[in-house]
């Protein structure tokens, strides 16, 4: 399994790296949409965890980008503030919405680890 994490928060990126390392999941970290675009062109990912509030974009541009790349079904949108935009996020048929703060168990449910 290969995971892409797009988030500008250093703590969140470090957390994903630790979780993925512990469970032998390949993890690629991108701090912005530009980095992520380059990775998405050259690599395949099973899941993309994406911060809704990236500094250089807004949620609609982000969702349109994901839709254009056929990634909405693989995308889990992360945010600490979903109240105003959950309906918009769901309208793009993202795989799920992950409310920050979240537990490690919530992240692991997406990894399809053997039991």
Protein backbone atom coordinates (compact mmCIF):
# COMPACT_ATOMS: atom_id res chain seq x y z
CA UNK A 1 0.00 0.00 0.00
CA UNK A 2 1.20 3.50 -0.85
CA UNK A 3 -0.16 6.62 0.81
CA UNK A 4 0.15 10.27 -0.17
CA UNK A 5 -0.21 12.90 2.55
CA UNK A 6 -0.68 16.51 1.50
CA UNK A 7 -0.50 18.83 4.50
CA UNK A 8 1.52 21.89 5.43
CA UNK A 9 1.39 21.03 9.15
CA UNK A 10 4.71 19.50 10.21
CA UNK A 11 3.11 17.67 13.15
CA UNK A 12 0.53 15.95 10.93
CA UNK A 13 3.20 14.97 8.40
CA UNK A 14 5.42 13.51 11.12
CA UNK A 15 2.45 11.64 12.60
CA UNK A 16 1.62 10.00 9.26
CA UNK A 17 5.26 9.08 8.69
CA UNK A 18 5.41 7.38 12.10
CA UNK A 19 2.12 5.53 11.61
CA UNK A 20 3.06 4.36 8.14
CA UNK A 21 6.52 3.25 9.21
CA UNK A 22 5.11 1.25 12.12
CA UNK A 23 2.67 -0.61 9.85
CA UNK A 24 4.97 -0.99 6.82
CA UNK A 25 2.97 1.34 4.61
CA UNK A 26 4.81 3.41 2.00
CA UNK A 27 4.27 7.08 2.70
CA UNK A 28 5.00 10.14 0.57
CA UNK A 29 4.65 13.55 2.18
CA UNK A 30 3.93 16.73 0.23
CA UNK A 31 3.69 20.13 1.90
CA UNK A 32 1.72 21.81 -0.89
CA UNK A 33 -0.40 21.12 -3.94
CA UNK A 34 2.46 21.85 -6.35
CA UNK A 35 4.61 19.09 -4.82
CA UNK A 36 1.60 16.77 -4.79
CA UNK A 37 0.81 17.42 -8.45
CA UNK A 38 4.32 16.35 -9.41
CA UNK A 39 4.04 13.16 -7.35
CA UNK A 40 0.59 12.32 -8.70
CA UNK A 41 1.88 12.57 -12.26
CA UNK A 42 4.79 10.21 -11.63
CA UNK A 43 3.49 7.78 -8.96
CA UNK A 44 0.37 5.80 -8.09
CA UNK A 45 -1.22 5.96 -4.65
CA UNK A 46 -3.84 3.82 -2.95
CA UNK A 47 -5.00 6.60 -0.63
CA UNK A 48 -4.50 10.36 -0.49
CA UNK A 49 -4.90 12.18 2.84
CA UNK A 50 -5.36 15.84 2.00
CA UNK A 51 -5.59 18.89 4.22
CA UNK A 52 -8.61 20.95 3.18
CA UNK A 53 -6.94 24.22 4.15
CA UNK A 54 -3.73 24.24 2.14
CA UNK A 55 -2.35 27.81 1.98
CA UNK A 56 -2.03 28.17 -1.79
CA UNK A 57 -5.45 26.86 -2.78
CA UNK A 58 -9.07 26.68 -1.67
CA UNK A 59 -11.26 23.65 -1.23
CA UNK A 60 -13.10 24.02 -4.56
CA UNK A 61 -9.85 24.20 -6.55
CA UNK A 62 -8.53 21.26 -4.58
CA UNK A 63 -11.65 19.17 -5.24
CA UNK A 64 -11.68 20.09 -8.92
CA UNK A 65 -8.04 19.01 -9.17
CA UNK A 66 -8.83 15.67 -7.48
CA UNK A 67 -11.79 15.12 -9.75
CA UNK A 68 -9.73 15.91 -12.86
CA UNK A 69 -7.14 13.31 -11.77
CA UNK A 70 -9.87 10.75 -10.91
CA UNK A 71 -8.70 10.72 -7.30
CA UNK A 72 -11.83 11.68 -5.37
CA UNK A 73 -12.63 8.06 -4.56
CA UNK A 74 -9.14 7.63 -3.07
CA UNK A 75 -9.14 10.92 -1.18
CA UNK A 76 -9.69 11.47 2.51
CA UNK A 77 -10.04 15.16 3.28
CA UNK A 78 -8.69 16.29 6.65
CA UNK A 79 -9.78 19.45 8.40
CA UNK A 80 -10.31 20.96 11.81
CA UNK A 81 -13.19 23.05 10.45
CA UNK A 82 -15.71 21.12 8.39
CA UNK A 83 -19.00 22.63 9.46
CA UNK A 84 -19.26 25.09 6.59
CA UNK A 85 -18.00 22.81 3.83
CA UNK A 86 -18.93 19.21 4.54
CA UNK A 87 -21.78 19.27 2.04
CA UNK A 88 -19.47 20.64 -0.68
CA UNK A 89 -16.84 18.01 0.10
CA UNK A 90 -19.39 15.21 -0.04
CA UNK A 91 -20.79 16.51 -3.35
CA UNK A 92 -17.41 15.69 -4.95
CA UNK A 93 -17.73 12.10 -3.70
CA UNK A 94 -14.51 12.02 -1.74
CA UNK A 95 -13.89 8.70 0.00
CA UNK A 96 -14.24 10.22 3.46
CA UNK A 97 -13.78 13.27 5.65
CA UNK A 98 -11.46 13.05 8.64
CA UNK A 99 -12.08 15.59 11.38
CA UNK A 100 -8.93 16.91 13.10
CA UNK A 101 -7.86 16.02 15.68
CA UNK A 102 -8.11 12.34 14.86
CA UNK A 103 -6.89 9.13 16.45
CA UNK A 104 -4.38 6.70 15.03
CA UNK A 105 -7.16 4.10 14.92
CA UNK A 106 -9.17 6.30 12.57
CA UNK A 107 -6.21 6.55 10.20
CA UNK A 108 -5.52 2.82 10.34
CA UNK A 109 -9.04 1.92 9.23
CA UNK A 110 -8.10 3.19 5.74
CA UNK A 111 -4.99 1.02 5.45
CA UNK A 112 -6.72 -2.36 4.97
CA UNK A 113 -4.16 -4.07 7.16
CA UNK A 114 -4.38 -7.83 7.63
CA UNK A 115 -6.03 -8.79 10.89
